[in-house]
Each structure stands twice: as structure tokens, then as C-alpha cells.
């Protein structure tokens, strides 16, 4: 059906208005402009648990995901994670807790009182039972310098990310980088070829492995501002710093429709850091 001249004009005006609205929202919430104008800036992170959404500061999101990640590493129970997260957030830390501090929470004498239903629901969300439950927005920042890969084949920011992941989750099966760099095996223009990306494997593809993957994927998003993370892909979903205001989005393989579990990132998380330069 061909649109009339008036119809085409209406479509153009509607599209322009949508772009203007999106641009204004982006400018006010992800730059210093909003604060300068006195516009209330919402907390950067939010998590949905049992149908209820909580807004969190970046410190709260980093703290909760680190406590949950350490809980997974040491094999804590659902109740244990619920209590540890609740206690850590109740302390209202000025900066995010470290993995060592999170471990210390688990080593405290056990609490006799059972966790509340709300605390259990939050723990389930952090433990990946509902997939993409947590998301954060990241502000626009000054351009970072471009980095060359190190002896492991990773840029400095990527290496910092690798060490941060290991600190929380322990030794894992990683891929997507190698000494001297890699040149094949990924889509054209992949961050892997620049030493900016790491794949974290969760094989075989099972419900338990999917939950463990989501624990780490949400941790990466919560720490995206601190670690300069640009992209997180897992389980047919993608989060990017560039479009973080939209949260998690459905992932479409750049090469076209596919049911390949590897290409859909069902068995691994792809995490990359900003390029810089």
C-alpha cells in the first residue's frame, strides 16, 4: 500500500518525534546535562524479582552480584545467599564489597531467623533463576586510550576484567583469546580479534549451567562502568553500554537466523571491553 503525501509526512513527523524523545532522554540521563539542569536522575540499576522491581545504586548492584557470585563459588544454599545479600545491603556500604568481604559474610555464625520471602525472591533473581533480571545504565565517558594486547593476547582493560572475574568466580574455562592474538573463528570485526573480548564457558547446556551463566552475566552488567565493559551476550540476550538505557535485548546472530547453541551464546558468555582511541 502506498502512502499519501500527508501519510508520509505523518510518518516522518512521528519518527522524528520518537528520535527527539530518545535523544533527550539519553542526554538527560547519561550525561551531566540532566544534573546541571536539576533534572532528577534515577538510580542507574534495577532488578526485577518476583514481579517487583527495585532501583539500585551502582554500589548496591555491584555488592549484591559479588555476594551472589561468591555464594555460587563456595556452594552456598539459596537461604545462605539470601541472608548474605540482605546483610551486605543492609550495611549500606559506601563502596562495593570485595570478594573477600563477601566471603567473610558467609563465614559469620549462621542466622537463626529464616530469610524473608522478599530476600529469597531477590536471591533467586541474582542466582539466575529468571534470566535477565538485572540491568544497569552507564554514563557517557571521555574517550579512553586505545590499548594493544599483552602477552596473553588481551588489552589492559580486558586483562583487568579477566582478573576481576577470577577474583569473584574462581578459576573458569575461558576462551576467545590467545597469546599472539586470534584471527579466525568469530564474526567479522569481532572484539576478539582486537584482544578486547573473553568467552566464559558453561558447558554442557543445562538448566543449572544457564543459571550459573546468568549469575556472571548480571555481575558483568553491574560492574560495567567500573570495568569499562561494552558488551555482554548470553542465552540469546545482549546488553551493550551504547544502548544500556534499553537494558537487555534479544540477541540476533549477525550472520543470519540460526539455531546453533554456540552462535546463540547458550553455552558461553561473551564479554568485551571498550575499544578506546
Protein backbone atom coordinates (compact mmCIF):
# COMPACT_ATOMS: atom_id res chain seq x y z
CA UNK A 1 0.00 0.00 0.00
CA UNK A 2 1.39 3.40 -0.99
CA UNK A 3 1.15 6.24 1.49
CA UNK A 4 -0.27 9.60 0.50
CA UNK A 5 1.84 12.71 0.84
CA UNK A 6 0.05 13.51 4.12
CA UNK A 7 0.62 9.96 5.33
CA UNK A 8 4.33 10.11 4.55
CA UNK A 9 4.57 13.42 6.37
CA UNK A 10 2.82 11.96 9.43
CA UNK A 11 5.21 9.00 9.49
CA UNK A 12 8.21 11.32 9.18
CA UNK A 13 6.99 13.59 11.98
CA UNK A 14 6.27 10.61 14.25
CA UNK A 15 9.71 9.13 13.63
CA UNK A 16 11.40 12.48 14.23
CA UNK A 17 9.48 12.95 17.48
CA UNK A 18 10.50 9.47 18.66
CA UNK A 19 14.15 10.18 17.88
CA UNK A 20 13.98 13.54 19.64
CA UNK A 21 12.41 11.95 22.73
CA UNK A 22 15.03 9.21 22.81
CA UNK A 23 17.84 11.70 22.31
CA UNK A 24 16.52 13.97 25.06
CA UNK A 25 16.21 11.04 27.47
CA UNK A 26 19.72 9.91 26.58
CA UNK A 27 21.13 13.41 27.11
CA UNK A 28 19.40 13.95 30.45
CA UNK A 29 20.09 10.54 31.99
CA UNK A 30 23.51 9.58 30.64
CA UNK A 31 25.41 12.86 30.65
CA UNK A 32 25.99 15.68 33.15
CA UNK A 33 23.39 17.82 31.41
CA UNK A 34 20.48 16.45 33.45
CA UNK A 35 22.22 17.07 36.76
CA UNK A 36 23.22 20.58 35.68
CA UNK A 37 19.59 21.34 34.87
CA UNK A 38 18.37 19.92 38.16
CA UNK A 39 16.60 17.00 36.50
CA UNK A 40 16.19 14.08 38.95
CA UNK A 41 18.42 11.25 37.78
CA UNK A 42 17.02 7.77 38.51
CA UNK A 43 19.29 5.14 40.05
CA UNK A 44 21.39 3.51 37.33
CA UNK A 45 20.48 -0.11 38.11
CA UNK A 46 17.30 -2.07 38.60
CA UNK A 47 16.45 -5.67 39.34
CA UNK A 48 13.12 -7.42 39.00
CA UNK A 49 12.38 -10.20 41.48
CA UNK A 50 9.05 -11.98 41.78
CA UNK A 51 7.35 -9.29 39.71
CA UNK A 52 8.67 -6.41 41.82
CA UNK A 53 11.35 -4.03 40.53
CA UNK A 54 13.91 -2.44 42.82
CA UNK A 55 16.04 0.51 41.82
CA UNK A 56 19.64 0.27 42.96
CA UNK A 57 22.72 2.41 43.01
CA UNK A 58 25.75 1.06 41.23
CA UNK A 59 27.30 0.17 44.61
CA UNK A 60 24.22 -1.84 45.59
CA UNK A 61 24.22 -3.71 42.27
CA UNK A 62 27.94 -4.47 42.45
CA UNK A 63 27.68 -5.57 46.07
CA UNK A 64 24.69 -7.86 45.53
CA UNK A 65 26.10 -9.53 42.41
CA UNK A 66 29.50 -10.04 44.02
CA UNK A 67 27.94 -11.63 47.12
CA UNK A 68 25.82 -13.88 44.89
CA UNK A 69 28.82 -14.78 42.74
CA UNK A 70 30.93 -15.74 45.74
CA UNK A 71 27.98 -17.73 47.06
CA UNK A 72 27.88 -19.76 43.86
CA UNK A 73 31.63 -20.30 44.03
CA UNK A 74 31.51 -21.75 47.55
CA UNK A 75 28.28 -23.70 47.03
CA UNK A 76 26.08 -21.64 49.36
CA UNK A 77 22.40 -22.55 49.64
CA UNK A 78 19.58 -20.30 48.44
CA UNK A 79 18.92 -19.32 52.07
CA UNK A 80 22.60 -18.62 52.59
CA UNK A 81 22.78 -16.30 49.57
CA UNK A 82 19.54 -14.57 50.60
CA UNK A 83 20.86 -13.84 54.09
CA UNK A 84 24.32 -12.79 52.87
CA UNK A 85 22.91 -10.38 50.26
CA UNK A 86 20.41 -8.98 52.76
CA UNK A 87 23.11 -8.37 55.38
CA UNK A 88 25.52 -6.85 52.87
CA UNK A 89 22.95 -4.41 51.51
CA UNK A 90 21.66 -3.55 55.00
CA UNK A 91 25.17 -2.38 55.90
CA UNK A 92 24.85 0.28 53.16
CA UNK A 93 28.49 0.18 52.07
CA UNK A 94 29.92 3.39 50.62
CA UNK A 95 31.83 1.33 48.08
CA UNK A 96 31.06 -2.10 46.66
CA UNK A 97 32.15 -5.06 48.77
CA UNK A 98 35.11 -7.10 47.60
CA UNK A 99 35.04 -10.86 47.11
CA UNK A 100 36.99 -11.24 50.36
CA UNK A 101 34.43 -9.16 52.25
CA UNK A 102 31.61 -11.18 50.68
CA UNK A 103 33.29 -14.41 51.76
CA UNK A 104 33.56 -13.05 55.29
CA UNK A 105 29.79 -12.53 55.37
CA UNK A 106 29.23 -16.20 54.57
CA UNK A 107 31.66 -17.22 57.33
CA UNK A 108 29.73 -15.43 60.05
CA UNK A 109 27.79 -17.57 62.54
CA UNK A 110 24.58 -18.79 60.89
CA UNK A 111 21.47 -16.68 61.36
CA UNK A 112 18.68 -18.49 63.21
CA UNK A 113 15.89 -16.48 61.58
CA UNK A 114 14.77 -17.67 58.16
CA UNK A 115 15.15 -15.13 55.31
CA UNK A 116 12.05 -13.22 54.28
CA UNK A 117 10.10 -14.05 51.12
CA UNK A 118 11.41 -10.84 49.56
CA UNK A 119 15.02 -11.76 50.35
CA UNK A 120 14.54 -15.23 48.86
CA UNK A 121 12.97 -13.78 45.70
CA UNK A 122 15.89 -11.38 45.33
CA UNK A 123 18.38 -14.21 45.81
CA UNK A 124 16.65 -16.29 43.13
CA UNK A 125 16.91 -13.38 40.68
CA UNK A 126 20.60 -12.86 41.46
CA UNK A 127 21.19 -16.61 41.12
CA UNK A 128 19.88 -16.54 37.56
CA UNK A 129 16.54 -18.27 38.01
CA UNK A 130 14.73 -15.63 35.97
CA UNK A 131 17.45 -14.84 33.45
CA UNK A 132 17.84 -11.19 32.57
CA UNK A 133 16.61 -9.79 35.89
CA UNK A 134 19.23 -7.11 36.49
CA UNK A 135 20.34 -4.30 34.22
CA UNK A 136 22.25 -1.03 34.58
CA UNK A 137 22.80 2.07 32.53
CA UNK A 138 26.26 3.53 32.11
CA UNK A 139 27.07 7.21 31.59
CA UNK A 140 28.89 8.67 28.65
CA UNK A 141 32.58 8.98 29.49
CA UNK A 142 35.58 10.67 27.97
CA UNK A 143 37.20 8.61 25.25
CA UNK A 144 39.66 6.13 26.72
CA UNK A 145 43.03 5.46 25.09
CA UNK A 146 43.35 2.57 22.67
CA UNK A 147 45.30 -0.39 24.03
CA UNK A 148 47.42 -3.10 22.46
CA UNK A 149 47.15 -6.76 23.55
CA UNK A 150 49.54 -8.06 26.19
CA UNK A 151 51.40 -11.38 26.34
CA UNK A 152 48.11 -13.24 26.85
CA UNK A 153 46.56 -11.55 23.84
CA UNK A 154 44.33 -9.25 25.91
CA UNK A 155 44.27 -5.49 26.19
CA UNK A 156 44.88 -3.97 29.60
CA UNK A 157 41.18 -3.39 30.22
CA UNK A 158 40.32 -6.93 29.15
CA UNK A 159 43.00 -8.35 31.42
CA UNK A 160 41.65 -6.30 34.32
CA UNK A 161 38.21 -7.75 33.60
CA UNK A 162 39.61 -11.30 33.49
CA UNK A 163 41.26 -10.89 36.88
CA UNK A 164 38.11 -9.34 38.37
CA UNK A 165 36.02 -12.30 37.16
CA UNK A 166 38.51 -14.80 38.56
CA UNK A 167 38.58 -12.98 41.90
CA UNK A 168 34.82 -13.48 42.33
CA UNK A 169 34.07 -16.71 40.45
CA UNK A 170 37.34 -18.59 40.79
CA UNK A 171 39.09 -20.49 38.03
CA UNK A 172 36.89 -20.93 34.96
CA UNK A 173 37.09 -22.24 31.42
CA UNK A 174 37.85 -19.24 29.23
CA UNK A 175 38.39 -18.76 25.50
CA UNK A 176 38.31 -16.25 22.69
CA UNK A 177 41.88 -15.00 23.20
CA UNK A 178 45.40 -16.35 22.85
CA UNK A 179 49.00 -15.23 23.04
CA UNK A 180 49.78 -13.51 19.76
CA UNK A 181 46.09 -12.87 19.11
CA UNK A 182 43.47 -14.73 17.09
CA UNK A 183 42.32 -14.06 13.54
CA UNK A 184 39.56 -16.61 12.86
CA UNK A 185 36.54 -18.25 14.44
CA UNK A 186 34.41 -15.18 15.07
CA UNK A 187 32.25 -12.76 13.08
CA UNK A 188 33.91 -10.06 11.01
CA UNK A 189 35.07 -7.12 13.14
CA UNK A 190 34.80 -9.13 16.37
CA UNK A 191 36.30 -7.63 19.52
CA UNK A 192 38.10 -10.98 19.92
CA UNK A 193 40.43 -10.03 17.07
CA UNK A 194 41.47 -6.91 18.98
CA UNK A 195 42.07 -8.72 22.25
CA UNK A 196 39.12 -6.98 23.90
CA UNK A 197 36.84 -9.97 24.46
CA UNK A 198 36.66 -13.08 26.63
CA UNK A 199 34.31 -16.06 26.40
CA UNK A 200 33.35 -17.78 29.65
CA UNK A 201 32.05 -21.30 29.04
CA UNK A 202 29.17 -23.02 30.83
CA UNK A 203 29.03 -26.50 29.30
CA UNK A 204 27.09 -28.64 28.75
CA UNK A 205 23.95 -26.57 28.21
CA UNK A 206 21.75 -27.44 31.19
CA UNK A 207 19.32 -25.51 33.37
CA UNK A 208 21.92 -25.36 36.14
CA UNK A 209 24.63 -24.10 33.82
CA UNK A 210 22.25 -21.48 32.42
CA UNK A 211 21.58 -20.20 35.92
CA UNK A 212 25.30 -20.04 36.69
CA UNK A 213 25.85 -18.17 33.45
CA UNK A 214 23.23 -15.58 34.34
CA UNK A 215 24.85 -15.01 37.73
CA UNK A 216 28.02 -13.93 35.97
CA UNK A 217 26.29 -12.09 33.13
CA UNK A 218 24.42 -9.93 35.63
CA UNK A 219 27.62 -9.40 37.62
CA UNK A 220 29.30 -8.13 34.44
CA UNK A 221 26.50 -5.64 33.78
CA UNK A 222 26.57 -4.43 37.40
CA UNK A 223 30.34 -3.85 37.11
CA UNK A 224 30.24 -2.49 33.55
CA UNK A 225 31.00 1.11 34.49
CA UNK A 226 33.96 0.21 36.73
CA UNK A 227 35.47 -2.28 34.29
CA UNK A 228 34.59 -0.38 31.08
CA UNK A 229 32.57 -3.33 29.77
CA UNK A 230 30.99 -2.62 26.39
CA UNK A 231 29.07 -5.81 25.61
CA UNK A 232 27.64 -8.83 27.42
CA UNK A 233 25.97 -11.62 25.43
CA UNK A 234 24.43 -14.77 26.90
CA UNK A 235 21.47 -17.08 26.35
CA UNK A 236 20.00 -15.25 23.30
CA UNK A 237 20.25 -11.89 25.07
CA UNK A 238 22.57 -8.91 24.70
CA UNK A 239 23.40 -5.87 26.82
CA UNK A 240 25.56 -3.07 25.46
CA UNK A 241 26.90 0.06 27.10
CA UNK A 242 25.97 2.03 23.99
CA UNK A 243 22.29 1.08 24.39
CA UNK A 244 22.27 0.38 28.12
CA UNK A 245 19.24 2.61 28.56
CA UNK A 246 17.29 -0.16 26.76
CA UNK A 247 18.53 -2.87 29.14
CA UNK A 248 18.79 -6.46 27.93
CA UNK A 249 17.63 -7.02 24.35
CA UNK A 250 17.01 -10.13 22.27
CA UNK A 251 20.21 -11.23 20.55
CA UNK A 252 20.28 -11.89 16.82
CA UNK A 253 23.34 -13.59 15.34
CA UNK A 254 24.93 -11.16 12.82
CA UNK A 255 25.36 -13.95 10.26
CA UNK A 256 21.62 -14.58 9.97
CA UNK A 257 18.99 -16.84 11.58
CA UNK A 258 20.45 -19.85 13.36
CA UNK A 259 19.66 -22.46 16.00
CA UNK A 260 23.33 -23.19 16.71
CA UNK A 261 23.68 -23.06 20.53
CA UNK A 262 27.23 -21.72 20.27
CA UNK A 263 26.29 -18.88 17.92
CA UNK A 264 23.33 -18.03 20.16
CA UNK A 265 25.65 -17.97 23.19
CA UNK A 266 23.75 -20.65 25.06
CA UNK A 267 26.94 -22.31 26.28
CA UNK A 268 29.09 -19.26 26.98
CA UNK A 269 29.10 -15.61 27.94
CA UNK A 270 30.78 -13.15 25.61
CA UNK A 271 32.14 -10.11 27.45
CA UNK A 272 34.14 -7.35 25.82
CA UNK A 273 35.53 -4.01 26.95
CA UNK A 274 35.53 -0.65 25.19
CA UNK A 275 37.97 -0.19 22.34
CA UNK A 276 39.20 3.29 23.16
CA UNK A 277 41.07 5.57 20.86
